[in-house]
Amino acid sequence: MKIAVLGGLGIQGRAAITDLSNSKIVDEVICADANLDMWENISRWVDVKKIHPIKINADETVELTRLLGQEVDVAIDLLPSFLMTNAFEAAIEAGVPMISTNYGSEIRPLHNAAMAAGIALMPECGLDPGIDLIISGHAARQFDELHVINTYCGGFPEKKACDNPLNYKISWNWDMVLRAQKRESVFIKNRQRFVVSADDQHDNEMIHRINFPGLGELEAVPNGDAVFYTDLLGITDTIQQCGRYALRWPGWCNFWRPLKKFGFLSDEPLSGLNCQVSPHQFLVNLMGPQLQYRDDEKDIVAMYNVFEGIKDGAKKSTIISLKIERDLNTGLFAMSIGVGYTASIVAQMIGRGQITQKGVLNPAIDVPYALFMTELSKRGIEAKEEIIHEA
């Protein structure tokens, strides 16, 4: 099997490359990136015999198409999100199935083209979105009627690394962390659909705390459109409550609430300065360098999914949780492992014919749960499932 990873030397790409290099069914990996400076670093812990680094310009769809046309079986898109459409259009042109970890709204219109090309395009196939969707799809199928679906996921420092006022450090892209705080969230509460605006993300009634096993209290912050996925699964009519939440150490909202009200996340350039800079850009450059992990510090990913409903005429509750920690031997962050390993696993499932559907797919429906969780377990990521039946 030959797999191409676009953005293979990025923070998440390195995790995907690592996993692919360890797979017995993968014969060759193309590691494509605009900058190959990280190649020597990755070769310290990865067997590079079957990995071929190639420099690419992902702005050029023709160049991506030419790359994928090199007898590639499956491709993984880990490029910056603004290049996602380029990557998927190239995949269609080359007739190569493609995985991406980004949200899929931009490429859903490509469904018919993907069908015509006879390929699968799978966005939202990382950690969150990704593993959470695979779990949610599985859980929904275990109920006759689902009433509650609340999903939680977050990445944050281990306690000993919490040495700044935010109790947070950067395990992916700081600019994107800030931008994730500027999108509305869609919920169902008491059977009614409602929206939490970006302005109210850190100041609304949906903010609460959960108790995560082994970690204690974590703060849950509205994050994303939960109703899109209940619609996708065809269960919205029975849902009484649902939401998607980001997890942080307590105090996250207290930090951001006043800053947001003062406009510190605005993209509008400030007047009266000698250069064009927005408050958002200022925070990226001011805070980013101060929120870096040291080599001996771990990040933690915590995922917690709650489902309640009816099965065989009785009430049933299911909680599925998992935790990932940074690998200090390779330096791979827990966040990168959750994203990159998932993309690698699903790409290999497509390559070996375990996923045969065509068109624009979604992990909640199209990724076989048992097979996927078995593969996660082989990589040391164990999901814990607690089921409660009431008479």
Protein backbone atom coordinates (compact mmCIF):
# COMPACT_ATOMS: atom_id res chain seq x y z
CA MET A 1 0.00 0.00 0.00
CA LYS A 2 1.31 3.45 -0.94
CA ILE A 3 0.05 6.43 1.07
CA ALA A 4 0.82 10.12 0.54
CA VAL A 5 0.73 12.53 3.48
CA LEU A 6 0.29 16.17 2.46
CA GLY A 7 1.81 18.32 5.19
CA GLY A 8 3.73 15.31 6.44
CA LEU A 9 6.29 17.29 8.44
CA GLY A 10 3.79 19.45 10.28
CA ILE A 11 2.98 18.92 13.94
CA GLN A 12 0.19 16.44 13.12
CA GLY A 13 1.80 15.10 9.96
CA ARG A 14 4.78 13.79 11.92
CA ALA A 15 2.41 11.65 14.01
CA ALA A 16 0.73 10.24 10.89
CA ILE A 17 4.13 9.51 9.31
CA THR A 18 5.27 7.77 12.49
CA ASP A 19 2.21 5.53 12.55
CA LEU A 20 2.38 4.70 8.85
CA SER A 21 6.06 3.82 9.13
CA ASN A 22 5.20 1.25 11.81
CA SER A 23 2.49 -0.42 9.70
CA LYS A 24 3.28 -3.76 8.10
CA ILE A 25 0.70 -3.24 5.36
CA VAL A 26 2.14 0.11 4.24
CA ASP A 27 4.94 -0.37 1.73
CA GLU A 28 5.70 3.24 0.84
CA VAL A 29 4.91 6.67 2.29
CA ILE A 30 5.26 9.93 0.42
CA CYS A 31 5.95 12.71 2.93
CA ALA A 32 5.02 15.89 1.05
CA ASP A 33 5.61 19.30 2.56
CA ALA A 34 6.54 22.84 1.56
CA ASN A 35 9.43 22.82 4.02
CA LEU A 36 11.64 19.76 4.54
CA ASP A 37 13.70 21.23 7.40
CA MET A 38 12.06 18.86 9.93
CA TRP A 39 13.10 15.76 7.99
CA GLU A 40 16.28 15.19 9.98
CA ASN A 41 14.35 15.45 13.26
CA ILE A 42 11.73 12.86 12.32
CA SER A 43 14.42 10.45 11.17
CA ARG A 44 15.66 10.27 14.77
CA TRP A 45 12.75 8.04 15.81
CA VAL A 46 11.16 6.82 12.56
CA ASP A 47 12.47 4.11 10.25
CA VAL A 48 12.69 6.20 7.09
CA LYS A 49 13.49 3.36 4.68
CA LYS A 50 10.00 3.40 3.15
CA ILE A 51 9.39 7.15 3.52
CA HIS A 52 10.18 9.51 0.66
CA PRO A 53 10.22 13.26 1.42
CA ILE A 54 9.05 15.47 -1.43
CA LYS A 55 8.86 19.26 -1.50
CA ILE A 56 5.54 20.57 -2.84
CA ASN A 57 3.67 23.81 -3.39
CA ALA A 58 0.15 22.98 -2.25
CA ASP A 59 -1.17 26.25 -3.69
CA GLU A 60 -0.89 24.54 -7.07
CA THR A 61 -3.66 21.97 -7.61
CA VAL A 62 -1.86 20.71 -10.71
CA GLU A 63 1.24 19.93 -8.63
CA LEU A 64 -0.84 18.05 -6.05
CA THR A 65 -2.61 16.10 -8.80
CA ARG A 66 0.73 15.11 -10.31
CA LEU A 67 1.96 13.94 -6.92
CA LEU A 68 -1.15 11.84 -6.23
CA GLY A 69 -0.93 10.37 -9.70
CA GLN A 70 2.21 8.46 -8.71
CA GLU A 71 0.25 5.23 -8.07
CA VAL A 72 -0.87 6.46 -4.64
CA ASP A 73 -3.54 4.25 -3.05
CA VAL A 74 -4.76 6.71 -0.39
CA ALA A 75 -3.81 10.26 0.60
CA ILE A 76 -4.00 12.12 3.92
CA ASP A 77 -4.53 15.89 3.87
CA LEU A 78 -2.83 17.56 6.84
CA LEU A 79 -2.23 20.88 5.09
CA PRO A 80 -3.43 24.19 6.55
CA SER A 81 -7.23 24.34 6.34
CA PHE A 82 -7.27 27.04 3.66
CA LEU A 83 -5.63 24.54 1.26
CA MET A 84 -8.20 21.81 1.91
CA THR A 85 -10.23 22.43 -1.24
CA ASN A 86 -7.08 22.31 -3.38
CA ALA A 87 -6.17 18.94 -1.89
CA PHE A 88 -9.59 17.37 -2.42
CA GLU A 89 -9.96 18.69 -5.95
CA ALA A 90 -6.57 17.17 -6.75
CA ALA A 91 -7.69 13.87 -5.20
CA ILE A 92 -10.76 13.81 -7.46
CA GLU A 93 -8.69 14.65 -10.53
CA ALA A 94 -6.17 11.90 -9.69
CA GLY A 95 -8.84 9.40 -8.63
CA VAL A 96 -7.25 8.88 -5.21
CA PRO A 97 -9.22 8.49 -1.93
CA MET A 98 -8.38 11.17 0.63
CA ILE A 99 -8.63 11.64 4.40
CA SER A 100 -8.62 15.03 6.13
CA THR A 101 -8.84 16.07 9.76
CA ASN A 102 -10.54 19.42 9.04
CA TYR A 103 -14.26 20.15 9.24
CA GLY A 104 -15.88 19.18 5.95
CA SER A 105 -18.34 21.94 5.11
CA GLU A 106 -16.16 23.24 2.26
CA ILE A 107 -15.93 19.91 0.46
CA ARG A 108 -19.40 18.46 0.91
CA PRO A 109 -20.38 19.99 -2.45
CA LEU A 110 -17.78 17.66 -4.01
CA HIS A 111 -19.85 14.55 -3.21
CA ASN A 112 -21.15 13.96 -6.75
CA ALA A 113 -17.71 14.53 -8.27
CA ALA A 114 -16.20 12.04 -5.82
CA MET A 115 -18.92 9.52 -6.68
CA ALA A 116 -18.20 9.98 -10.37
CA ALA A 117 -14.49 9.47 -9.71
CA GLY A 118 -15.27 6.32 -7.70
CA ILE A 119 -13.39 7.46 -4.61
CA ALA A 120 -14.00 8.14 -0.92
CA LEU A 121 -13.34 11.58 0.57
CA MET A 122 -13.36 11.53 4.39
CA PRO A 123 -13.06 14.91 6.16
CA GLU A 124 -13.42 15.32 9.95
CA CYS A 125 -11.24 12.29 10.54
CA GLY A 126 -8.91 13.33 13.34
CA LEU A 127 -9.43 13.66 17.09
CA ASP A 128 -12.27 16.17 17.46
CA PRO A 129 -13.81 15.98 14.97
CA GLY A 130 -12.96 12.34 14.34
CA ILE A 131 -12.73 9.86 17.20
CA ASP A 132 -15.67 11.57 18.91
CA LEU A 133 -17.80 11.13 15.78
CA ILE A 134 -16.91 7.46 15.42
CA ILE A 135 -17.90 6.94 19.07
CA SER A 136 -21.12 8.94 18.67
CA GLY A 137 -22.19 7.01 15.60
CA HIS A 138 -21.60 3.73 17.39
CA ALA A 139 -23.42 4.84 20.54
CA ALA A 140 -26.44 6.08 18.60
CA ARG A 141 -26.82 2.61 17.07
CA GLN A 142 -26.91 1.02 20.55
CA PHE A 143 -30.17 2.75 21.53
CA ASP A 144 -33.72 2.32 20.31
CA GLU A 145 -34.24 6.00 21.10
CA LEU A 146 -31.49 8.45 22.01
CA HIS A 147 -32.37 11.43 24.24
CA VAL A 148 -29.01 12.90 25.32
CA ILE A 149 -25.71 13.15 23.47
CA ASN A 150 -23.02 15.41 24.94
CA THR A 151 -19.45 15.14 23.66
CA TYR A 152 -16.41 16.68 25.35
CA CYS A 153 -12.80 16.86 24.20
CA GLY A 154 -9.80 19.02 25.02
CA GLY A 155 -6.05 19.22 25.13
CA PHE A 156 -4.19 20.92 27.99
CA PRO A 157 -0.98 20.60 30.04
CA GLU A 158 -0.39 18.08 32.75
CA LYS A 159 -0.58 19.73 36.17
CA LYS A 160 3.18 20.13 36.63
CA ALA A 161 3.32 22.08 33.35
CA CYS A 162 0.64 24.56 34.44
CA ASP A 163 3.05 27.40 35.17
CA ASN A 164 1.23 30.35 33.57
CA PRO A 165 -1.99 32.25 34.42
CA LEU A 166 -3.95 30.46 31.67
CA ASN A 167 -2.98 26.90 32.71
CA TYR A 168 -2.60 26.18 29.02
CA LYS A 169 0.19 25.48 26.53
CA ILE A 170 0.19 25.01 22.77
CA SER A 171 0.02 21.50 21.35
CA TRP A 172 -1.23 22.53 17.93
CA ASN A 173 -1.72 25.92 16.23
CA TRP A 174 -2.20 28.92 18.53
CA ASP A 175 -3.82 31.01 15.81
CA MET A 176 -6.40 28.24 15.25
CA VAL A 177 -6.98 27.88 19.01
CA LEU A 178 -7.98 31.53 19.09
CA ARG A 179 -10.09 31.24 15.95
CA ALA A 180 -11.96 28.27 17.43
CA GLN A 181 -13.18 30.73 20.07
CA LYS A 182 -14.80 32.86 17.39
CA ARG A 183 -17.38 30.47 15.97
CA GLU A 184 -20.94 29.97 17.11
CA SER A 185 -22.13 26.78 18.77
CA VAL A 186 -25.43 25.04 18.09
CA PHE A 187 -27.18 23.02 20.83
CA ILE A 188 -30.40 21.31 21.75
CA LYS A 189 -31.80 21.97 25.21
CA ASN A 190 -35.28 20.86 26.33
CA ARG A 191 -35.86 19.68 22.75
CA GLN A 192 -35.28 23.20 21.42
CA ARG A 193 -32.46 24.16 19.07
CA PHE A 194 -30.55 27.28 20.05
CA VAL A 195 -27.31 29.05 19.22
CA VAL A 196 -24.53 30.34 21.46
CA SER A 197 -22.90 33.20 19.56
CA ALA A 198 -19.14 33.57 19.37
CA ASP A 199 -19.45 36.73 21.49
CA ASP A 200 -21.07 34.70 24.27
CA GLN A 201 -18.88 31.61 24.09
CA HIS A 202 -17.18 32.36 27.42
CA ASP A 203 -20.24 33.83 29.11
CA ASN A 204 -23.34 31.62 28.78
CA GLU A 205 -25.48 29.15 30.67
CA MET A 206 -24.01 26.14 28.86
CA ILE A 207 -20.59 26.50 30.51
CA HIS A 208 -20.23 23.87 33.22
CA ARG A 209 -17.77 21.40 34.75
CA ILE A 210 -17.36 17.66 34.45
CA ASN A 211 -15.36 15.26 36.59
CA PHE A 212 -12.93 13.34 34.41
CA PRO A 213 -11.56 10.10 35.94
CA GLY A 214 -8.01 10.59 37.15
CA LEU A 215 -7.94 14.32 36.35
CA GLY A 216 -10.71 15.84 38.45
CA GLU A 217 -12.79 18.85 37.46
CA LEU A 218 -12.53 20.24 33.94
CA GLU A 219 -14.32 23.24 32.47
CA ALA A 220 -16.63 22.57 29.50
CA VAL A 221 -16.96 25.37 26.94
CA PRO A 222 -19.42 25.38 23.99
CA ASN A 223 -17.61 24.36 20.82
CA GLY A 224 -19.24 23.68 17.46
CA ASP A 225 -22.47 22.59 15.83
CA ALA A 226 -23.81 19.53 17.66
CA VAL A 227 -27.10 19.51 15.76
CA PHE A 228 -25.40 18.95 12.40
CA TYR A 229 -24.33 15.52 13.63
CA THR A 230 -27.67 14.53 15.15
CA ASP A 231 -29.21 15.47 11.80
CA LEU A 232 -26.56 13.40 10.02
CA LEU A 233 -27.37 10.39 12.21
CA GLY A 234 -31.12 10.91 11.77
CA ILE A 235 -31.81 11.16 15.51
CA THR A 236 -32.62 14.84 16.07
CA ASP A 237 -36.36 14.22 16.49
CA THR A 238 -35.83 12.27 19.73
CA ILE A 239 -33.01 14.37 21.18
CA GLN A 240 -33.83 16.31 24.33
CA GLN A 241 -30.31 17.60 24.97
CA CYS A 242 -27.08 17.67 22.99
CA GLY A 243 -23.91 19.73 22.81
CA ARG A 244 -20.27 19.75 21.79
CA TYR A 245 -17.78 21.11 24.32
CA ALA A 246 -14.07 21.90 24.57
CA LEU A 247 -12.38 20.90 27.84
CA ARG A 248 -9.91 23.07 29.75
CA TRP A 249 -8.63 23.39 33.28
CA PRO A 250 -11.04 25.57 35.33
CA GLY A 251 -10.52 29.30 34.86
CA TRP A 252 -10.32 29.35 31.06
CA CYS A 253 -13.58 31.28 30.64
CA ASN A 254 -12.75 33.70 33.44
CA PHE A 255 -9.54 34.57 31.59
CA TRP A 256 -11.10 35.07 28.15
CA ARG A 257 -14.45 36.62 29.11
CA PRO A 258 -13.16 40.16 29.79
CA LEU A 259 -10.57 40.03 27.00
CA LYS A 260 -13.22 39.08 24.46
CA LYS A 261 -15.51 41.89 25.64
CA PHE A 262 -12.63 44.34 25.18
CA GLY A 263 -12.15 43.09 21.62
CA PHE A 264 -8.85 41.26 22.06
CA LEU A 265 -9.90 38.59 19.55
CA SER A 266 -10.92 41.07 16.85
CA ASP A 267 -9.47 40.71 13.36
CA GLU A 268 -9.90 44.42 12.64
CA PRO A 269 -6.58 46.34 12.49
CA LEU A 270 -6.18 48.90 15.25
CA SER A 271 -6.06 52.53 14.26
CA GLY A 272 -3.33 54.89 15.43
CA LEU A 273 -0.48 52.38 14.99
CA ASN A 274 2.42 52.57 12.58
CA CYS A 275 1.55 49.15 11.14
CA GLN A 276 -1.56 47.12 10.27
CA VAL A 277 -2.03 44.78 13.23
CA SER A 278 -5.20 43.39 14.77
CA PRO A 279 -5.71 42.44 18.43
CA HIS A 280 -5.91 38.80 17.30
CA GLN A 281 -2.52 39.04 15.57
CA PHE A 282 -1.10 40.76 18.64
CA LEU A 283 -2.21 37.90 20.92
CA VAL A 284 -0.85 35.27 18.53
CA ASN A 285 2.59 36.88 18.59
CA LEU A 286 2.57 37.97 22.24
CA MET A 287 1.24 34.81 23.89
CA GLY A 288 2.40 32.11 21.49
CA PRO A 289 6.08 32.15 22.46
CA GLN A 290 5.15 32.14 26.17
CA LEU A 291 2.89 29.06 25.91
CA GLN A 292 5.38 26.51 24.62
CA TYR A 293 5.94 23.08 26.18
CA ARG A 294 9.35 22.16 27.47
CA ASP A 295 10.78 18.85 26.26
CA ASP A 296 10.03 17.12 29.58
CA GLU A 297 6.40 18.31 29.81
CA LYS A 298 3.34 16.40 28.66
CA ASP A 299 0.11 17.54 27.14
CA ILE A 300 -3.05 15.54 27.87
CA VAL A 301 -6.03 14.85 25.65
CA ALA A 302 -9.24 14.03 27.49
CA MET A 303 -12.37 12.85 25.67
CA TYR A 304 -15.67 12.19 27.46
CA ASN A 305 -18.91 11.23 25.70
CA VAL A 306 -22.30 10.91 27.41
CA PHE A 307 -25.31 9.16 25.85
CA GLU A 308 -28.73 8.55 27.41
CA GLY A 309 -31.87 7.02 25.99
CA ILE A 310 -34.07 3.94 25.76
CA LYS A 311 -33.09 0.36 24.91
CA ASP A 312 -35.58 -2.53 25.00
CA GLY A 313 -38.09 -0.39 26.88
CA ALA A 314 -35.69 0.56 29.70
CA LYS A 315 -33.53 3.60 30.38
CA LYS A 316 -29.89 3.25 29.45
CA SER A 317 -26.83 5.47 29.89
CA THR A 318 -23.42 5.05 28.27
CA ILE A 319 -20.23 6.96 28.99
CA ILE A 320 -17.23 6.42 26.70
CA SER A 321 -13.97 8.14 27.63
CA LEU A 322 -10.32 8.04 26.69
CA LYS A 323 -7.10 9.79 27.62
CA ILE A 324 -3.90 10.29 25.60
CA GLU A 325 -0.57 11.59 26.90
CA ARG A 326 2.45 13.01 25.09
CA ASP A 327 5.16 10.54 24.09
CA LEU A 328 8.32 12.03 25.55
CA ASN A 329 10.53 9.60 23.62
CA THR A 330 9.45 10.99 20.24
CA GLY A 331 8.18 14.35 21.46
CA LEU A 332 4.85 13.73 19.72
CA PHE A 333 2.07 15.61 21.50
CA ALA A 334 -1.03 13.77 22.68
CA MET A 335 -3.05 16.07 20.42
CA SER A 336 -0.93 15.11 17.41
CA ILE A 337 -1.20 11.42 18.23
CA GLY A 338 -4.99 11.60 18.49
CA VAL A 339 -5.25 13.42 15.16
CA GLY A 340 -2.45 11.80 13.15
CA TYR A 341 -2.97 8.21 14.26
CA THR A 342 -6.69 8.42 13.50
CA ALA A 343 -6.05 9.71 9.98
CA SER A 344 -3.47 6.96 9.46
CA ILE A 345 -5.78 4.21 10.71
CA VAL A 346 -8.71 5.27 8.53
CA ALA A 347 -6.51 5.74 5.47
CA GLN A 348 -5.25 2.17 5.91
CA MET A 349 -8.83 0.92 6.37
CA ILE A 350 -9.75 2.45 3.03
CA GLY A 351 -6.59 1.08 1.42
CA ARG A 352 -7.30 -2.48 2.57
CA GLY A 353 -10.98 -2.33 1.54
CA GLN A 354 -12.54 -2.18 5.02
CA ILE A 355 -14.34 1.04 4.01
CA THR A 356 -15.88 0.70 0.54
CA GLN A 357 -18.39 3.58 0.35
CA LYS A 358 -17.75 6.32 -2.19
CA GLY A 359 -18.37 10.07 -2.19
CA VAL A 360 -17.94 12.52 0.68
CA LEU A 361 -18.17 10.36 3.81
CA ASN A 362 -18.29 11.02 7.54
CA PRO A 363 -16.65 9.06 10.40
CA ALA A 364 -19.93 9.00 12.37
CA ILE A 365 -21.50 6.80 9.70
CA ASP A 366 -18.78 5.28 7.58
CA VAL A 367 -15.95 4.15 9.89
CA PRO A 368 -16.47 0.64 11.38
CA TYR A 369 -16.37 1.21 15.14
CA ALA A 370 -15.06 -2.15 16.36
CA LEU A 371 -12.26 -2.29 13.77
CA PHE A 372 -11.22 1.28 14.47
CA MET A 373 -11.19 0.90 18.25
CA THR A 374 -9.16 -2.30 17.94
CA GLU A 375 -6.55 -0.39 15.95
CA LEU A 376 -6.51 2.44 18.53
CA SER A 377 -5.99 -0.13 21.27
CA LYS A 378 -2.99 -1.59 19.43
CA ARG A 379 -1.46 1.88 19.67
CA GLY A 380 -2.01 2.07 23.42
CA ILE A 381 -5.14 4.24 23.30
CA GLU A 382 -7.88 2.48 25.26
CA ALA A 383 -11.47 3.72 25.35
CA LYS A 384 -13.34 2.98 28.57
CA GLU A 385 -17.04 2.25 28.20
CA GLU A 386 -19.46 2.36 31.15
CA ILE A 387 -23.04 1.21 30.56
CA ILE A 388 -25.84 1.68 33.09
CA HIS A 389 -29.22 -0.01 32.66
CA GLU A 390 -32.22 1.08 34.71
CA ALA A 391 -35.19 -1.17 35.29
